[in-house]
C-alpha cells in the first residue's frame, strides 16, 4: 500500500515541486530567447556579430541556470536554449567571430 501514498509525478516530463522559482524561470526564458536569436541569425552570414554574441551570452546564462536549476522543466528548457546558443555561437564564429569586421 506504500505505492498509493506517493504522488504520480514520475510520468510527467515537466514535473515540478509545486513551488515558484522566479530566478530559474527567468534564466530559462532568457536562455531560450538568446538561443533562438543566435540560431536564427546564424543562418545569415552578415549577422555573425549578433549570432556569436547572443550565443556566447546564452551559453553563460544557460550554464548558470543549469547550475542552480531545481526541476526537470527548468533543465529541459535550459538544455534546448543551450543547444541553440551553442550552434548559433559556433556558426557565428565560423562566419566572422565576435569582432570580425569591426577593426
N, C-alpha and C. Protein backbone atom coordinates (compact mmCIF):
# COMPACT_ATOMS: atom_id res chain seq x y z
N UNK A 1 0.80 -1.20 0.00
CA UNK A 1 0.00 0.00 0.00
C UNK A 1 0.85 1.27 0.00
N UNK A 2 2.15 1.14 0.06
CA UNK A 2 3.01 2.32 0.05
C UNK A 2 2.92 3.05 -1.29
N UNK A 3 2.61 2.34 -2.36
CA UNK A 3 2.51 2.97 -3.66
C UNK A 3 1.34 3.95 -3.73
N UNK A 4 0.32 3.72 -2.99
CA UNK A 4 -0.85 4.59 -3.01
C UNK A 4 -0.57 5.95 -2.38
N UNK A 5 0.44 6.06 -1.56
CA UNK A 5 0.73 7.31 -0.88
C UNK A 5 1.65 8.22 -1.67
N UNK A 6 2.35 7.70 -2.66
CA UNK A 6 3.28 8.51 -3.44
C UNK A 6 2.54 9.30 -4.52
N UNK A 7 2.98 10.53 -4.77
CA UNK A 7 2.38 11.29 -5.88
C UNK A 7 2.82 10.69 -7.21
N UNK A 8 2.00 10.87 -8.22
CA UNK A 8 2.29 10.28 -9.54
C UNK A 8 2.87 11.35 -10.46
N UNK A 9 4.04 11.85 -10.13
CA UNK A 9 4.70 12.85 -10.97
C UNK A 9 5.81 12.24 -11.81
N UNK A 10 6.08 10.96 -11.65
CA UNK A 10 7.21 10.35 -12.35
C UNK A 10 6.97 10.27 -13.86
N UNK A 11 5.73 10.25 -14.30
CA UNK A 11 5.45 10.11 -15.72
C UNK A 11 5.50 11.41 -16.48
N UNK A 12 5.54 12.54 -15.81
CA UNK A 12 5.50 13.83 -16.47
C UNK A 12 6.90 14.38 -16.68
N UNK A 13 7.18 14.82 -17.90
CA UNK A 13 8.47 15.42 -18.19
C UNK A 13 8.61 16.77 -17.51
N UNK A 14 7.53 17.48 -17.36
CA UNK A 14 7.56 18.81 -16.77
C UNK A 14 7.11 18.80 -15.32
N UNK A 15 7.42 17.74 -14.58
CA UNK A 15 7.04 17.65 -13.18
C UNK A 15 7.76 18.74 -12.39
N UNK A 16 7.02 19.40 -11.55
CA UNK A 16 7.60 20.45 -10.71
C UNK A 16 7.44 20.08 -9.25
N UNK A 17 8.02 20.84 -8.40
CA UNK A 17 7.89 20.62 -6.96
C UNK A 17 6.82 21.51 -6.36
N UNK A 18 5.97 22.09 -7.19
CA UNK A 18 4.84 22.94 -6.76
C UNK A 18 5.29 24.18 -5.99
N UNK A 19 6.49 24.67 -6.28
CA UNK A 19 6.97 25.93 -5.71
C UNK A 19 7.41 26.81 -6.87
N UNK A 20 7.39 28.11 -6.64
CA UNK A 20 7.83 29.01 -7.69
C UNK A 20 9.34 29.21 -7.61
N UNK A 21 9.95 29.30 -8.79
CA UNK A 21 11.39 29.52 -8.90
C UNK A 21 11.59 30.66 -9.89
N UNK A 22 11.40 31.90 -9.46
CA UNK A 22 11.44 33.02 -10.40
C UNK A 22 12.81 33.23 -11.05
N UNK A 23 13.89 33.07 -10.32
CA UNK A 23 15.21 33.25 -10.91
C UNK A 23 15.50 32.18 -11.96
N UNK A 24 15.19 30.93 -11.64
CA UNK A 24 15.44 29.85 -12.57
C UNK A 24 14.55 29.97 -13.81
N UNK A 25 13.31 30.39 -13.62
CA UNK A 25 12.41 30.57 -14.76
C UNK A 25 12.88 31.72 -15.64
N UNK A 26 13.37 32.79 -15.03
CA UNK A 26 13.88 33.92 -15.82
C UNK A 26 15.12 33.52 -16.61
N UNK A 27 16.02 32.78 -15.98
CA UNK A 27 17.21 32.31 -16.69
C UNK A 27 16.84 31.37 -17.84
N UNK A 28 15.85 30.53 -17.62
CA UNK A 28 15.39 29.63 -18.68
C UNK A 28 14.82 30.43 -19.85
N UNK A 29 14.00 31.42 -19.56
CA UNK A 29 13.41 32.24 -20.62
C UNK A 29 14.48 33.02 -21.39
N UNK A 30 15.43 33.61 -20.66
CA UNK A 30 16.50 34.37 -21.31
C UNK A 30 17.35 33.46 -22.18
N UNK A 31 17.66 32.27 -21.67
CA UNK A 31 18.47 31.32 -22.44
C UNK A 31 17.74 30.87 -23.69
N UNK A 32 16.45 30.62 -23.59
CA UNK A 32 15.67 30.21 -24.76
C UNK A 32 15.61 31.32 -25.81
N UNK A 33 15.40 32.55 -25.37
CA UNK A 33 15.33 33.67 -26.31
C UNK A 33 16.68 33.91 -26.97
N UNK A 34 17.75 33.91 -26.18
CA UNK A 34 19.08 34.11 -26.75
C UNK A 34 19.46 32.97 -27.68
N UNK A 35 19.06 31.75 -27.33
CA UNK A 35 19.33 30.62 -28.20
C UNK A 35 18.59 30.72 -29.52
N UNK A 36 17.35 31.14 -29.46
CA UNK A 36 16.58 31.31 -30.71
C UNK A 36 17.18 32.42 -31.57
N UNK A 37 17.55 33.51 -30.95
CA UNK A 37 18.17 34.62 -31.71
C UNK A 37 19.48 34.16 -32.34
N UNK A 38 20.31 33.49 -31.55
CA UNK A 38 21.61 33.05 -32.06
C UNK A 38 21.43 32.03 -33.18
N UNK A 39 20.51 31.11 -33.02
CA UNK A 39 20.31 30.06 -34.02
C UNK A 39 19.76 30.64 -35.33
N UNK A 40 18.80 31.53 -35.22
CA UNK A 40 18.18 32.09 -36.44
C UNK A 40 19.14 33.03 -37.15
N UNK A 41 19.84 33.89 -36.41
CA UNK A 41 20.74 34.82 -37.07
C UNK A 41 22.01 34.15 -37.58
N UNK A 42 22.31 32.96 -37.10
CA UNK A 42 23.49 32.25 -37.60
C UNK A 42 23.30 31.79 -39.04
N UNK A 43 22.08 31.76 -39.51
CA UNK A 43 21.82 31.33 -40.89
C UNK A 43 22.16 32.43 -41.90
N UNK A 44 22.42 33.64 -41.42
CA UNK A 44 22.75 34.76 -42.29
C UNK A 44 24.19 35.18 -42.02
N UNK A 45 25.02 35.11 -43.06
CA UNK A 45 26.45 35.37 -42.92
C UNK A 45 26.75 36.77 -42.38
N UNK A 46 25.98 37.75 -42.76
CA UNK A 46 26.26 39.12 -42.36
C UNK A 46 25.87 39.42 -40.90
N UNK A 47 25.15 38.53 -40.26
CA UNK A 47 24.73 38.75 -38.87
C UNK A 47 25.58 37.97 -37.87
N UNK A 48 26.84 37.74 -38.22
CA UNK A 48 27.69 36.91 -37.37
C UNK A 48 27.98 37.56 -36.03
N UNK A 49 28.00 38.89 -35.97
CA UNK A 49 28.22 39.55 -34.67
C UNK A 49 27.07 39.26 -33.71
N UNK A 50 25.86 39.39 -34.20
CA UNK A 50 24.69 39.14 -33.36
C UNK A 50 24.62 37.68 -32.94
N UNK A 51 24.83 36.78 -33.87
CA UNK A 51 24.71 35.36 -33.54
C UNK A 51 25.81 34.91 -32.59
N UNK A 52 27.03 35.38 -32.78
CA UNK A 52 28.11 34.94 -31.90
C UNK A 52 27.96 35.52 -30.49
N UNK A 53 27.59 36.78 -30.37
CA UNK A 53 27.42 37.37 -29.03
C UNK A 53 26.18 36.82 -28.32
N UNK A 54 25.07 36.67 -29.05
CA UNK A 54 23.88 36.10 -28.42
C UNK A 54 24.13 34.66 -28.00
N UNK A 55 24.86 33.92 -28.81
CA UNK A 55 25.20 32.55 -28.46
C UNK A 55 26.09 32.47 -27.24
N UNK A 56 27.09 33.35 -27.17
CA UNK A 56 28.00 33.34 -26.03
C UNK A 56 27.28 33.69 -24.73
N UNK A 57 26.48 34.72 -24.76
CA UNK A 57 25.72 35.10 -23.56
C UNK A 57 24.71 34.01 -23.20
N UNK A 58 24.08 33.40 -24.22
CA UNK A 58 23.15 32.31 -23.97
C UNK A 58 23.82 31.10 -23.34
N UNK A 59 25.05 30.82 -23.74
CA UNK A 59 25.79 29.70 -23.13
C UNK A 59 26.06 29.98 -21.66
N UNK A 60 26.49 31.20 -21.35
CA UNK A 60 26.77 31.52 -19.95
C UNK A 60 25.51 31.54 -19.08
N UNK A 61 24.42 32.13 -19.58
CA UNK A 61 23.18 32.14 -18.78
C UNK A 61 22.62 30.73 -18.63
N UNK A 62 22.72 29.94 -19.68
CA UNK A 62 22.24 28.56 -19.60
C UNK A 62 23.07 27.71 -18.65
N UNK A 63 24.38 27.91 -18.65
CA UNK A 63 25.24 27.16 -17.74
C UNK A 63 24.96 27.52 -16.29
N UNK A 64 24.78 28.81 -16.02
CA UNK A 64 24.44 29.21 -14.65
C UNK A 64 23.05 28.70 -14.27
N UNK A 65 22.12 28.74 -15.21
CA UNK A 65 20.79 28.22 -14.94
C UNK A 65 20.80 26.73 -14.65
N UNK A 66 21.63 25.98 -15.36
CA UNK A 66 21.76 24.55 -15.08
C UNK A 66 22.34 24.32 -13.70
N UNK A 67 23.25 25.16 -13.31
CA UNK A 67 23.90 25.01 -12.02
C UNK A 67 22.91 25.20 -10.86
N UNK A 68 21.95 26.12 -11.02
CA UNK A 68 21.03 26.39 -9.92
C UNK A 68 19.63 25.83 -10.15
N UNK A 69 19.41 25.11 -11.25
CA UNK A 69 18.07 24.61 -11.55
C UNK A 69 17.64 23.55 -10.53
N UNK A 70 16.32 23.47 -10.34
CA UNK A 70 15.79 22.55 -9.34
C UNK A 70 14.78 21.57 -9.89
N UNK A 71 14.22 21.81 -11.06
CA UNK A 71 13.21 20.90 -11.59
C UNK A 71 13.58 20.45 -13.00
N UNK A 72 12.93 19.40 -13.42
CA UNK A 72 13.15 18.85 -14.76
C UNK A 72 12.68 19.83 -15.83
N UNK A 73 11.61 20.55 -15.56
CA UNK A 73 11.09 21.52 -16.52
C UNK A 73 12.13 22.60 -16.80
N UNK A 74 12.77 23.08 -15.77
CA UNK A 74 13.81 24.10 -15.96
C UNK A 74 14.99 23.54 -16.75
N UNK A 75 15.42 22.34 -16.41
CA UNK A 75 16.57 21.75 -17.09
C UNK A 75 16.26 21.46 -18.55
N UNK A 76 15.04 21.06 -18.85
CA UNK A 76 14.65 20.76 -20.22
C UNK A 76 14.73 22.02 -21.09
N UNK A 77 14.16 23.12 -20.61
CA UNK A 77 14.22 24.37 -21.36
C UNK A 77 15.63 24.91 -21.47
N UNK A 78 16.41 24.75 -20.41
CA UNK A 78 17.80 25.23 -20.45
C UNK A 78 18.64 24.45 -21.45
N UNK A 79 18.43 23.15 -21.54
CA UNK A 79 19.20 22.34 -22.50
C UNK A 79 18.83 22.72 -23.93
N UNK A 80 17.55 22.98 -24.19
CA UNK A 80 17.16 23.43 -25.53
C UNK A 80 17.81 24.77 -25.86
N UNK A 81 17.78 25.70 -24.93
CA UNK A 81 18.41 27.00 -25.14
C UNK A 81 19.91 26.91 -25.26
N UNK A 82 20.54 26.04 -24.47
CA UNK A 82 21.98 25.86 -24.55
C UNK A 82 22.40 25.28 -25.90
N UNK A 83 21.64 24.32 -26.40
CA UNK A 83 21.95 23.73 -27.70
C UNK A 83 21.84 24.74 -28.82
N UNK A 84 20.77 25.50 -28.82
CA UNK A 84 20.59 26.52 -29.86
C UNK A 84 21.64 27.62 -29.73
N UNK A 85 21.98 27.99 -28.50
CA UNK A 85 23.02 29.01 -28.30
C UNK A 85 24.37 28.51 -28.78
N UNK A 86 24.67 27.26 -28.50
CA UNK A 86 25.93 26.69 -28.94
C UNK A 86 26.06 26.63 -30.44
N UNK A 87 25.00 26.19 -31.10
CA UNK A 87 25.02 26.14 -32.57
C UNK A 87 25.15 27.54 -33.15
N UNK A 88 24.38 28.48 -32.63
CA UNK A 88 24.46 29.86 -33.11
C UNK A 88 25.83 30.47 -32.85
N UNK A 89 26.40 30.19 -31.68
CA UNK A 89 27.71 30.73 -31.36
C UNK A 89 28.78 30.18 -32.31
N UNK A 90 28.80 28.88 -32.52
CA UNK A 90 29.85 28.29 -33.36
C UNK A 90 29.68 28.68 -34.83
N UNK A 91 28.46 28.78 -35.31
CA UNK A 91 28.27 29.23 -36.68
C UNK A 91 28.62 30.71 -36.82
N UNK A 92 28.31 31.50 -35.81
CA UNK A 92 28.70 32.91 -35.83
C UNK A 92 30.20 33.07 -35.81
N UNK A 93 30.89 32.23 -35.05
CA UNK A 93 32.35 32.26 -35.03
C UNK A 93 32.92 31.84 -36.38
N UNK A 94 32.30 30.89 -37.03
CA UNK A 94 32.79 30.44 -38.34
C UNK A 94 32.57 31.50 -39.41
N UNK A 95 31.54 32.33 -39.24
CA UNK A 95 31.25 33.36 -40.24
C UNK A 95 32.01 34.66 -40.02
N UNK A 96 32.71 34.81 -38.92
CA UNK A 96 33.45 36.05 -38.72
C UNK A 96 33.81 36.33 -37.28
N UNK A 97 33.16 35.70 -36.35
CA UNK A 97 33.54 35.82 -34.96
C UNK A 97 32.90 36.97 -34.22
N UNK A 98 33.42 37.17 -33.03
CA UNK A 98 32.87 38.18 -32.12
C UNK A 98 33.21 39.60 -32.53
N UNK A 99 34.34 39.80 -33.17
CA UNK A 99 34.78 41.14 -33.54
C UNK A 99 35.09 41.25 -35.02
N UNK A 100 34.74 40.25 -35.82
CA UNK A 100 35.09 40.26 -37.23
C UNK A 100 34.47 41.43 -37.98
N UNK A 101 35.32 42.19 -38.66
CA UNK A 101 34.85 43.32 -39.45
C UNK A 101 34.77 44.63 -38.70
N UNK A 102 35.04 44.61 -37.38
CA UNK A 102 34.98 45.87 -36.63
C UNK A 102 36.30 46.61 -36.65
N UNK A 103 37.41 45.90 -36.84
CA UNK A 103 38.72 46.55 -36.86
C UNK A 103 39.34 46.43 -38.21
